[in-house]
Amino acid sequence: MSAVSLFRLVFSYFALLLAVAWRTSRNATNDSFFIGDKRSNWMLVAFGMVGTTLSGVTFVSVPGAIGRDGFGYLQVILGYVLGYIAVAYILLPLYYRLKLTSIYHYLDVRLGRRSYQSGAAFFILSRTLSASARLYLVVNILQATILDSLGVPFWLTTLVILAMILLYTYKGGVQTIVWTDTLQTTGMLLGLLICAGWLLGQLGLSLPDSLAAMEAQGLTRVVTSSVDSPAYFWKQFLAGFFIVLAMTGMDQEIMQKNISVRTLRDSQKNMLLLTVILTGVLLLFMFLGGLLSLYAPTVGLAATGDKLFPAVVMQHMPAAVQLVFFIGLVSALFPSADGAMTALTSTFCIDILGIQRRSDLAPAAQLRLRHRVHLGFCALFLLLVLLFKWVDNASMIGLVLKLTGYTYGPLLGLFAFGILTRRVVRDRWVPLVALAGPAICYAIDYHQKLLFGSYRLGLELLIMNGLLVFAGLCLISKPRQ
C-alpha cells in the first residue's frame, strides 16, 4: 500500500474522531471535561478503557516478546485479574463515598495537603513521561512507514498528531473520550483479528493446529520455576496485581472515566467487564505473537521483538491487511495520549491550581484557565517527543518507561498507608519520604547483582517501592488521638 493511501487513512480516521468530538462536546462544561457530568454509560466506558489501558507500544511489543518469553505474560495477566477485582471493591467505593473529582483529594482528606499535592505531582510526572515516550515510539513507526517517503519532517508529524488530539479533547474532555476510546478500541481489535486470521490462512493452520505448532516450538511455555528469574511465577503474579492496583486504581487518567459513571454499582460492573474484555484482548495479542513467530521463519524474516510485527505487515501482507494494521496501530496511538492529556489537565487544574476551591474565579475564568493548562500540556508533550527523537536512543526510552513505573510506588505507599492504618502523618515530611522511596529503589535495582548475586529483580520493584514509602510514612507518623 502506498504512503499516500496510508496518509489518507490516518486523515480520514481523524476526521471521524472530530465528528464524534463535535457531537459529544456540545454545551460542555468543566464538569463535563473532568468527569463527564457523571452520565457516562458503564458498558461504553469498560469497552473504551481497553484502548486506554493498552497502547501502541503494547500493540507491537507483546506479540514481539512471544519468541523470547513464550506465553509467560499470562502470569502477569492472572495478577491483573485479581488487581481489577481489588480496585472494584476496595478503591471505587472509597472514591464514590467521598464524591471525588480527583482521586488524589482522598490523600488531602486522610493525610494532609502536602500528601495530596505529592500524590498529584507524582501522577503528573509519571503520566507525562510515560505518555510522551509511548507517543514517540508509535509516531516513529508512522514516520518510518509513511511520512519519511513523503518528505514530511518528524517535528511536523508530531505537531500535527498532537494538534489532532488537542482538537478533539479541548472542549469535551472525558465526555468525548468515552466515545472516542470506544471507536479506537474497536479499530484496534479489528486490526488484531484480521492480522491473526491472515496469518492462520498463510500458515494453513486451524486454531487447534496453530496452538499445537506453538507448543512444539516451545512458544506456549508459561511458568518459570527458578526463583532467581525475573519471570518466576509469584513475582509475575504479584507484580501484575500491584501494577493494576497502582497504575489503574491510583491513576487519575483511568479512574476519572470510572467515576464519570453515575453510580458505584455501575462503575464496579464497568471494572469487571473491563477485566473480562482486557484479558481476552491480551490473550489475542499473545496468540498473534505466536503466529508471527511461526510465520517469520517460513519467509526468511530475521526481525525480532518490537520490529517483528511491523516487518511482517510491511514486507509480506497485502495492501488491505496493511490498511487494517494501521487502523489498529493508530487506534492504539490516540488513547495513550488523549486520555493522558485530559487527565493531566484535570489533575493540574484541580489538585495543583485548586480551580474548584477558588471562589475568586468565575466559571468563564475557570474555563479559560483550564484551556491554557490543556494547551500547556500539549506543548510539553511536543517538546518531550522531540527530545526523545533528538536523543534517538531506544535504551533511554526503555529507561524512561521503567522510571515512570518507579514513580507509582509513592502512590501505592500513600494510598496503602491511608487505607490500612489510622495513624496521623507529619504532613510536611511526606514529600521527602515520597522522593526517597523511588531513589532507594533505583539504587537497589542498579546494584542488584552486587546485593543479590544471581537473584534478579523484575516487576516486583514496584512492590518494594510502595513498601519503602509505606515504612517511611510509619516512621513520620503517630497514633491518632
Protein backbone atom coordinates (compact mmCIF):
# COMPACT_ATOMS: atom_id res chain seq x y z
CA MET A 1 0.00 0.00 0.00
CA SER A 2 1.38 3.45 -0.90
CA ALA A 3 2.34 6.00 1.70
CA VAL A 4 -0.23 8.41 0.25
CA SER A 5 -3.03 5.88 0.79
CA LEU A 6 -1.95 5.29 4.37
CA PHE A 7 -1.79 9.06 4.95
CA ARG A 8 -5.34 9.39 3.66
CA LEU A 9 -6.39 6.64 6.05
CA VAL A 10 -4.95 8.49 9.06
CA PHE A 11 -6.59 11.74 7.95
CA SER A 12 -9.99 10.06 7.46
CA TYR A 13 -9.73 8.40 10.86
CA PHE A 14 -9.02 11.74 12.47
CA ALA A 15 -11.98 13.33 10.68
CA LEU A 16 -14.19 10.64 12.22
CA LEU A 17 -12.79 11.41 15.69
CA LEU A 18 -13.51 15.10 15.17
CA ALA A 19 -17.09 14.31 14.19
CA VAL A 20 -17.54 12.27 17.37
CA ALA A 21 -15.95 15.08 19.42
CA TRP A 22 -18.28 17.69 17.90
CA ARG A 23 -21.32 15.56 18.65
CA THR A 24 -20.36 14.76 22.25
CA SER A 25 -18.93 18.10 23.41
CA ARG A 26 -21.83 20.43 22.75
CA ASN A 27 -22.67 22.53 25.82
CA ALA A 28 -19.67 21.02 27.64
CA THR A 29 -18.64 22.47 31.00
CA ASN A 30 -15.71 21.88 33.34
CA ASP A 31 -17.70 19.06 34.99
CA SER A 32 -18.18 17.50 31.53
CA PHE A 33 -14.44 17.76 30.91
CA PHE A 34 -13.37 16.37 34.30
CA ILE A 35 -15.94 13.60 34.97
CA GLY A 36 -18.42 13.65 32.06
CA ASP A 37 -21.20 15.08 34.27
CA LYS A 38 -21.37 11.56 35.79
CA ARG A 39 -23.55 10.42 32.90
CA SER A 40 -21.19 8.02 31.12
CA ASN A 41 -22.56 4.62 30.06
CA TRP A 42 -20.71 1.96 32.05
CA MET A 43 -20.56 -0.52 29.17
CA LEU A 44 -19.03 2.06 26.82
CA VAL A 45 -16.53 3.07 29.50
CA ALA A 46 -15.48 -0.56 30.04
CA PHE A 47 -15.01 -1.29 26.34
CA GLY A 48 -13.26 2.02 25.62
CA MET A 49 -10.90 1.64 28.56
CA VAL A 50 -9.27 -1.33 26.83
CA GLY A 51 -7.73 1.13 24.35
CA THR A 52 -6.59 3.38 27.21
CA THR A 53 -5.13 0.55 29.27
CA LEU A 54 -3.15 -0.75 26.31
CA SER A 55 -1.09 1.42 23.96
CA GLY A 56 0.69 1.48 20.63
CA VAL A 57 3.70 0.01 22.42
CA THR A 58 1.59 -2.94 23.59
CA PHE A 59 0.35 -3.35 20.03
CA VAL A 60 3.85 -4.25 18.79
CA SER A 61 5.71 -5.26 21.98
CA VAL A 62 3.50 -8.04 23.38
CA PRO A 63 3.40 -10.02 20.10
CA GLY A 64 7.11 -9.39 19.58
CA ALA A 65 8.04 -10.78 23.01
CA ILE A 66 6.47 -14.21 22.47
CA GLY A 67 9.50 -15.55 20.61
CA ARG A 68 11.67 -14.72 23.61
CA ASP A 69 9.38 -15.24 26.61
CA GLY A 70 6.71 -17.62 25.34
CA PHE A 71 3.32 -17.15 26.99
CA GLY A 72 4.95 -16.10 30.27
CA TYR A 73 2.98 -12.85 30.18
CA LEU A 74 -0.05 -14.93 31.20
CA GLN A 75 1.39 -14.96 34.74
CA VAL A 76 1.10 -11.17 34.87
CA ILE A 77 -2.42 -11.28 33.38
CA LEU A 78 -3.60 -13.54 36.22
CA GLY A 79 -2.34 -10.91 38.66
CA TYR A 80 -4.17 -8.23 36.65
CA VAL A 81 -7.47 -10.04 37.16
CA LEU A 82 -7.11 -10.05 40.94
CA GLY A 83 -5.97 -6.42 40.84
CA TYR A 84 -9.06 -5.25 38.94
CA ILE A 85 -11.31 -7.02 41.44
CA ALA A 86 -9.50 -5.21 44.28
CA VAL A 87 -9.92 -1.85 42.53
CA ALA A 88 -13.65 -2.52 42.04
CA TYR A 89 -14.37 -3.47 45.64
CA ILE A 90 -11.78 -1.53 47.67
CA LEU A 91 -10.91 1.71 45.87
CA LEU A 92 -14.06 2.56 43.90
CA PRO A 93 -16.33 2.51 47.00
CA LEU A 94 -13.90 4.93 48.65
CA TYR A 95 -13.90 7.32 45.68
CA TYR A 96 -17.68 7.30 45.37
CA ARG A 97 -18.26 7.76 49.10
CA LEU A 98 -16.12 10.91 49.07
CA LYS A 99 -17.68 12.12 45.76
CA LEU A 100 -14.24 12.79 44.29
CA THR A 101 -13.45 14.53 41.02
CA SER A 102 -9.72 13.99 41.51
CA ILE A 103 -8.87 10.75 43.31
CA TYR A 104 -5.86 12.44 44.97
CA HIS A 105 -8.22 14.57 47.05
CA TYR A 106 -8.57 11.42 49.20
CA LEU A 107 -4.96 11.99 50.34
CA ASP A 108 -5.91 15.53 51.42
CA VAL A 109 -8.88 14.24 53.41
CA ARG A 110 -6.95 11.40 55.04
CA LEU A 111 -3.33 12.59 55.35
CA GLY A 112 -2.99 16.32 54.59
CA ARG A 113 -2.32 18.92 51.92
CA ARG A 114 1.36 18.03 51.30
CA SER A 115 0.46 14.36 50.89
CA TYR A 116 -2.30 15.33 48.48
CA GLN A 117 -0.01 17.51 46.37
CA SER A 118 2.75 14.87 46.45
CA GLY A 119 0.39 12.24 45.08
CA ALA A 120 -0.86 14.56 42.33
CA ALA A 121 2.70 15.61 41.45
CA PHE A 122 3.90 12.01 41.11
CA PHE A 123 0.96 11.23 38.84
CA ILE A 124 1.72 14.27 36.66
CA LEU A 125 5.40 13.26 36.39
CA SER A 126 4.59 9.61 35.69
CA ARG A 127 1.89 10.18 33.12
CA THR A 128 3.71 12.99 31.30
CA LEU A 129 6.88 10.92 30.83
CA SER A 130 5.19 7.61 30.02
CA ALA A 131 2.56 9.04 27.64
CA SER A 132 5.08 11.14 25.72
CA ALA A 133 7.54 8.22 25.47
CA ARG A 134 4.82 5.87 24.17
CA LEU A 135 3.62 8.56 21.77
CA TYR A 136 7.16 8.93 20.45
CA LEU A 137 7.57 5.21 19.84
CA VAL A 138 4.37 4.94 17.81
CA VAL A 139 4.89 8.21 15.91
CA ASN A 140 8.31 6.86 14.98
CA ILE A 141 6.66 3.82 13.34
CA LEU A 142 4.25 6.06 11.40
CA GLN A 143 7.14 8.30 10.37
CA ALA A 144 9.29 5.42 9.12
CA THR A 145 6.50 3.63 7.24
CA ILE A 146 4.54 6.55 5.78
CA LEU A 147 5.82 10.06 6.19
CA ASP A 148 9.55 9.77 5.51
CA SER A 149 8.74 8.71 1.94
CA LEU A 150 6.51 11.80 1.59
CA GLY A 151 9.27 14.10 2.79
CA VAL A 152 7.36 15.16 5.93
CA PRO A 153 9.75 16.02 8.81
CA PHE A 154 9.33 14.31 12.18
CA TRP A 155 8.62 17.54 14.06
CA LEU A 156 5.71 18.32 11.74
CA THR A 157 4.28 14.81 12.12
CA THR A 158 4.36 15.15 15.90
CA LEU A 159 2.89 18.65 15.83
CA VAL A 160 0.00 17.59 13.58
CA ILE A 161 -0.82 14.49 15.66
CA LEU A 162 -0.82 16.49 18.89
CA ALA A 163 -2.94 19.17 17.25
CA MET A 164 -5.41 16.45 16.24
CA ILE A 165 -5.58 15.18 19.81
CA LEU A 166 -5.95 18.71 21.15
CA LEU A 167 -8.80 19.48 18.78
CA TYR A 168 -11.00 16.58 19.78
CA THR A 169 -10.25 16.71 23.55
CA TYR A 170 -10.08 20.51 24.02
CA LYS A 171 -13.75 21.03 24.80
CA GLY A 172 -15.38 17.76 25.75
CA GLY A 173 -12.65 16.04 27.81
CA VAL A 174 -13.87 12.82 29.43
CA GLN A 175 -17.34 13.27 27.92
CA THR A 176 -15.76 12.98 24.45
CA ILE A 177 -13.04 10.46 25.28
CA VAL A 178 -15.51 7.84 26.50
CA TRP A 179 -16.88 7.72 22.92
CA THR A 180 -13.62 8.14 21.00
CA ASP A 181 -11.98 5.40 23.12
CA THR A 182 -14.84 3.07 22.18
CA LEU A 183 -14.22 3.78 18.50
CA GLN A 184 -10.48 3.33 18.91
CA THR A 185 -10.78 0.05 20.84
CA THR A 186 -12.96 -1.27 18.01
CA GLY A 187 -10.30 -0.30 15.47
CA MET A 188 -7.55 -1.96 17.48
CA LEU A 189 -9.48 -5.22 17.86
CA LEU A 190 -10.32 -5.20 14.15
CA GLY A 191 -6.63 -4.91 13.35
CA LEU A 192 -5.70 -7.76 15.68
CA LEU A 193 -8.37 -10.16 14.45
CA ILE A 194 -7.79 -9.62 10.73
CA CYS A 195 -3.99 -9.86 11.02
CA ALA A 196 -4.32 -13.08 13.05
CA GLY A 197 -6.79 -14.51 10.51
CA TRP A 198 -4.46 -13.67 7.60
CA LEU A 199 -1.51 -15.39 9.33
CA LEU A 200 -3.58 -18.50 10.03
CA GLY A 201 -4.50 -18.63 6.35
CA GLN A 202 -0.89 -18.22 5.20
CA LEU A 203 0.29 -20.95 7.56
CA GLY A 204 -2.56 -23.23 6.53
CA LEU A 205 -3.42 -23.98 10.15
CA SER A 206 -6.61 -24.22 12.13
CA LEU A 207 -6.80 -22.71 15.60
CA PRO A 208 -6.03 -26.02 17.40
CA ASP A 209 -3.26 -26.84 14.91
CA SER A 210 -1.63 -23.43 15.39
CA LEU A 211 -1.58 -23.88 19.18
CA ALA A 212 -0.05 -27.36 18.72
CA ALA A 213 2.63 -25.89 16.44
CA MET A 214 3.41 -23.17 19.01
CA GLU A 215 3.68 -25.81 21.73
CA ALA A 216 6.05 -27.88 19.59
CA GLN A 217 8.37 -24.85 19.27
CA GLY A 218 8.20 -24.03 22.99
CA LEU A 219 6.25 -20.82 22.47
CA THR A 220 3.44 -21.74 24.86
CA ARG A 221 5.61 -22.13 27.96
CA VAL A 222 4.15 -20.14 30.83
CA VAL A 223 5.64 -20.86 34.24
CA THR A 224 9.28 -20.25 35.14
CA SER A 225 10.24 -22.32 38.18
CA SER A 226 13.55 -20.62 39.02
CA VAL A 227 13.03 -18.17 41.89
CA ASP A 228 16.12 -16.23 40.75
CA SER A 229 14.50 -15.37 37.42
CA PRO A 230 12.51 -12.13 36.95
CA ALA A 231 9.93 -14.35 35.19
CA TYR A 232 9.29 -16.53 38.29
CA PHE A 233 5.53 -17.15 38.65
CA TRP A 234 4.89 -15.49 42.02
CA LYS A 235 6.97 -12.45 41.06
CA GLN A 236 4.96 -12.02 37.89
CA PHE A 237 1.59 -12.70 39.54
CA LEU A 238 2.11 -10.32 42.47
CA ALA A 239 3.59 -7.68 40.18
CA GLY A 240 0.53 -7.90 37.93
CA PHE A 241 -1.73 -7.41 40.96
CA PHE A 242 0.13 -4.37 42.26
CA ILE A 243 0.58 -2.87 38.78
CA VAL A 244 -3.20 -2.75 38.37
CA LEU A 245 -3.71 -1.54 41.94
CA ALA A 246 -1.26 1.36 41.47
CA MET A 247 -1.34 2.14 37.74
CA THR A 248 -5.11 1.74 37.37
CA GLY A 249 -6.73 2.19 40.77
CA MET A 250 -4.47 5.11 41.77
CA ASP A 251 -4.20 6.67 38.31
CA GLN A 252 -6.38 9.70 37.59
CA GLU A 253 -6.47 9.02 33.83
CA ILE A 254 -8.11 5.63 34.30
CA MET A 255 -10.18 6.43 37.37
CA GLN A 256 -11.71 9.66 36.04
CA LYS A 257 -13.51 7.52 33.45
CA ASN A 258 -14.73 5.12 36.13
CA ILE A 259 -16.04 7.88 38.39
CA SER A 260 -17.75 9.50 35.39
CA VAL A 261 -20.30 6.66 35.66
CA ARG A 262 -23.43 7.64 37.60
CA THR A 263 -23.45 5.01 40.37
CA LEU A 264 -20.89 2.92 42.23
CA ARG A 265 -22.65 -0.30 41.19
CA ASP A 266 -22.40 0.61 37.50
CA SER A 267 -18.75 1.61 37.96
CA GLN A 268 -17.99 -1.77 39.53
CA LYS A 269 -19.76 -3.56 36.68
CA ASN A 270 -17.64 -1.47 34.31
CA MET A 271 -14.44 -2.61 36.04
CA LEU A 272 -15.43 -6.29 35.98
CA LEU A 273 -16.43 -6.12 32.30
CA LEU A 274 -13.12 -4.39 31.53
CA THR A 275 -11.33 -7.29 33.24
CA VAL A 276 -13.03 -9.85 31.02
CA ILE A 277 -12.51 -7.90 27.76
CA LEU A 278 -8.93 -6.93 28.54
CA THR A 279 -7.96 -10.49 29.43
CA GLY A 280 -9.37 -11.71 26.13
CA VAL A 281 -7.56 -8.97 24.17
CA LEU A 282 -4.22 -9.70 25.83
CA LEU A 283 -4.62 -13.40 25.09
CA LEU A 284 -5.29 -12.45 21.47
CA PHE A 285 -2.10 -10.36 21.43
CA MET A 286 -0.15 -13.37 22.71
CA PHE A 287 -1.75 -15.69 20.14
CA LEU A 288 -0.89 -13.23 17.38
CA GLY A 289 2.70 -13.16 18.64
CA GLY A 290 2.85 -16.94 18.42
CA LEU A 291 1.59 -16.83 14.83
CA LEU A 292 4.19 -14.19 13.93
CA SER A 293 6.94 -16.36 15.42
CA LEU A 294 5.71 -19.34 13.36
CA TYR A 295 5.40 -17.30 10.16
CA ALA A 296 8.68 -15.35 10.20
CA PRO A 297 10.99 -18.38 9.55
CA THR A 298 8.83 -19.53 6.61
CA VAL A 299 9.64 -16.30 4.72
CA GLY A 300 13.22 -15.92 5.95
CA LEU A 301 12.43 -12.88 8.12
CA ALA A 302 15.05 -12.22 10.79
CA ALA A 303 13.25 -9.37 12.61
CA THR A 304 12.52 -9.96 16.30
CA GLY A 305 10.98 -8.11 19.24
CA ASP A 306 9.19 -4.83 18.53
CA LYS A 307 10.31 -4.93 14.88
CA LEU A 308 8.68 -8.29 14.09
CA PHE A 309 5.00 -7.29 13.70
CA PRO A 310 5.65 -4.14 11.57
CA ALA A 311 8.17 -6.03 9.42
CA VAL A 312 5.71 -8.85 8.63
CA VAL A 313 2.99 -6.31 7.84
CA MET A 314 5.04 -4.05 5.58
CA GLN A 315 7.04 -6.73 3.78
CA HIS A 316 4.61 -9.62 3.41
CA MET A 317 0.98 -8.67 4.00
CA PRO A 318 -1.29 -7.43 1.17
CA ALA A 319 -2.42 -3.81 0.98
CA ALA A 320 -5.84 -4.47 2.52
CA VAL A 321 -4.32 -6.11 5.61
CA GLN A 322 -1.72 -3.32 5.87
CA LEU A 323 -4.64 -0.92 5.94
CA VAL A 324 -6.21 -2.81 8.84
CA PHE A 325 -2.88 -2.93 10.70
CA PHE A 326 -2.57 0.84 10.53
CA ILE A 327 -6.15 1.27 11.68
CA GLY A 328 -5.23 -0.83 14.71
CA LEU A 329 -1.92 0.99 15.28
CA VAL A 330 -3.46 4.47 15.05
CA SER A 331 -6.35 3.29 17.23
CA ALA A 332 -3.80 2.25 19.84
CA LEU A 333 -1.85 5.51 19.47
CA PHE A 334 -4.54 8.06 20.21
CA PRO A 335 -5.94 6.63 23.51
CA SER A 336 -2.44 6.54 25.01
CA ALA A 337 -2.15 10.31 24.54
CA ASP A 338 -5.65 11.80 24.56
CA GLY A 339 -6.67 10.37 27.94
CA ALA A 340 -3.30 11.33 29.43
CA MET A 341 -3.62 14.92 28.22
CA THR A 342 -7.14 15.20 29.64
CA ALA A 343 -6.22 13.60 32.98
CA LEU A 344 -3.10 15.74 33.36
CA THR A 345 -5.15 18.85 32.68
CA SER A 346 -7.73 17.76 35.26
CA THR A 347 -5.13 16.93 37.92
CA PHE A 348 -3.14 20.13 37.43
CA CYS A 349 -6.27 22.31 37.50
CA ILE A 350 -7.92 20.61 40.47
CA ASP A 351 -5.01 19.45 42.62
CA ILE A 352 -2.23 21.94 41.91
CA LEU A 353 -4.14 25.14 41.00
CA GLY A 354 -7.16 24.34 43.18
CA ILE A 355 -9.58 25.53 40.50
CA GLN A 356 -12.64 24.13 42.29
CA ARG A 357 -11.68 25.83 45.58
CA ARG A 358 -11.15 29.29 44.11
CA SER A 359 -14.24 31.37 44.70
CA ASP A 360 -12.50 34.37 43.10
CA LEU A 361 -12.71 32.71 39.66
CA ALA A 362 -15.97 32.95 37.75
CA PRO A 363 -16.99 29.89 35.67
CA ALA A 364 -15.80 31.60 32.47
CA ALA A 365 -12.41 32.35 34.04
CA GLN A 366 -12.09 28.75 35.23
CA LEU A 367 -12.83 27.57 31.71
CA ARG A 368 -10.14 29.86 30.25
CA LEU A 369 -7.63 28.65 32.84
CA ARG A 370 -8.40 25.02 32.00
CA HIS A 371 -7.90 25.76 28.29
CA ARG A 372 -4.50 27.32 28.96
CA VAL A 373 -3.39 24.32 31.04
CA HIS A 374 -4.56 21.95 28.29
CA LEU A 375 -2.53 23.87 25.70
CA GLY A 376 0.46 23.84 28.04
CA PHE A 377 0.46 20.06 28.35
CA CYS A 378 0.14 19.71 24.58
CA ALA A 379 3.24 21.91 24.17
CA LEU A 380 5.08 19.87 26.84
CA PHE A 381 4.27 16.62 25.01
CA LEU A 382 5.64 18.12 21.80
CA LEU A 383 8.90 19.16 23.48
CA LEU A 384 9.41 15.75 25.12
CA VAL A 385 8.71 13.78 21.93
CA LEU A 386 11.18 15.98 20.01
CA LEU A 387 13.72 15.47 22.81
CA PHE A 388 13.34 11.70 22.56
CA LYS A 389 13.84 11.94 18.80
CA TRP A 390 16.94 14.11 19.22
CA VAL A 391 18.48 11.62 21.68
CA ASP A 392 17.31 8.74 19.43
CA ASN A 393 18.27 6.02 21.89
CA ALA A 394 15.93 3.07 22.41
CA SER A 395 17.67 2.25 25.71
CA MET A 396 16.88 5.74 27.00
CA ILE A 397 13.19 5.30 26.14
CA GLY A 398 13.18 1.97 27.97
CA LEU A 399 14.76 3.67 30.97
CA VAL A 400 12.13 6.44 30.92
CA LEU A 401 9.31 3.89 30.89
CA LYS A 402 10.98 1.95 33.71
CA LEU A 403 11.45 5.08 35.81
CA THR A 404 7.79 6.02 35.41
CA GLY A 405 6.99 2.65 36.94
CA TYR A 406 9.06 3.69 39.98
CA THR A 407 7.04 6.86 40.38
CA TYR A 408 3.86 4.88 41.03
CA GLY A 409 5.48 3.41 44.15
CA PRO A 410 4.83 6.55 46.24
CA LEU A 411 1.17 6.50 45.19
CA LEU A 412 0.92 2.85 46.26
CA GLY A 413 2.56 3.64 49.60
CA LEU A 414 0.45 6.75 50.26
CA PHE A 415 -2.89 5.13 49.48
CA ALA A 416 -1.99 1.92 51.34
CA PHE A 417 -0.98 3.88 54.43
CA GLY A 418 -4.20 5.89 54.33
CA ILE A 419 -6.44 2.84 53.88
CA LEU A 420 -4.67 0.28 56.08
CA THR A 421 -3.73 2.43 59.10
CA ARG A 422 -5.39 5.00 61.34
CA ARG A 423 -2.15 6.84 62.10
CA VAL A 424 -1.58 10.57 61.53
CA VAL A 425 1.45 11.62 59.48
CA ARG A 426 3.62 14.70 59.93
CA ASP A 427 2.46 16.05 56.62
CA ARG A 428 5.38 18.38 55.91
CA TRP A 429 7.78 15.41 55.76
CA VAL A 430 5.70 13.39 53.30
CA PRO A 431 7.28 14.83 50.09
CA LEU A 432 10.74 13.76 51.29
CA VAL A 433 9.54 10.23 52.06
CA ALA A 434 7.79 10.03 48.68
CA LEU A 435 11.02 11.05 46.90
CA ALA A 436 13.21 8.74 48.98
CA GLY A 437 11.25 5.59 48.02
CA PRO A 438 11.94 5.67 44.25
CA ALA A 439 15.52 6.88 44.82
CA ILE A 440 16.36 3.94 47.12
CA CYS A 441 14.54 1.55 44.79
CA TYR A 442 16.56 2.75 41.79
CA ALA A 443 19.83 2.36 43.73
CA ILE A 444 18.87 -1.21 44.71
CA ASP A 445 17.95 -2.02 41.10
CA TYR A 446 21.22 -0.57 39.77
CA HIS A 447 23.34 -2.58 42.25
CA GLN A 448 21.19 -5.72 42.37
CA LYS A 449 23.95 -8.03 41.12
CA LEU A 450 26.21 -6.90 43.95
CA LEU A 451 23.41 -7.08 46.52
CA PHE A 452 21.61 -10.28 45.50
CA GLY A 453 24.06 -12.30 43.41
CA SER A 454 22.19 -14.48 40.91
CA TYR A 455 18.76 -13.31 42.08
CA ARG A 456 17.21 -10.87 39.58
CA LEU A 457 14.62 -8.28 40.49
CA GLY A 458 11.83 -7.81 37.99
CA LEU A 459 8.39 -6.26 38.20
CA GLU A 460 8.42 -6.71 41.98
CA LEU A 461 10.37 -3.42 42.19
CA LEU A 462 7.01 -1.62 42.29
CA ILE A 463 6.05 -3.58 45.41
CA MET A 464 9.40 -2.80 47.04
CA ASN A 465 8.95 0.87 46.18
CA GLY A 466 5.50 1.02 47.78
CA LEU A 467 6.74 -0.80 50.90
CA LEU A 468 9.63 1.66 51.30
CA VAL A 469 7.25 4.64 51.16
CA PHE A 470 4.79 2.90 53.50
CA ALA A 471 7.59 2.24 56.02
CA GLY A 472 8.79 5.83 55.75
CA LEU A 473 5.27 7.12 56.44
CA CYS A 474 5.09 4.89 59.51
CA LEU A 475 8.31 6.47 60.79
CA ILE A 476 6.94 10.03 60.46
CA SER A 477 3.51 9.25 61.91
CA LYS A 478 1.90 8.97 65.31
CA PRO A 479 -1.23 7.24 66.64
CA ARG A 480 -4.49 9.10 66.18
CA GLN A 481 -5.58 10.74 69.45
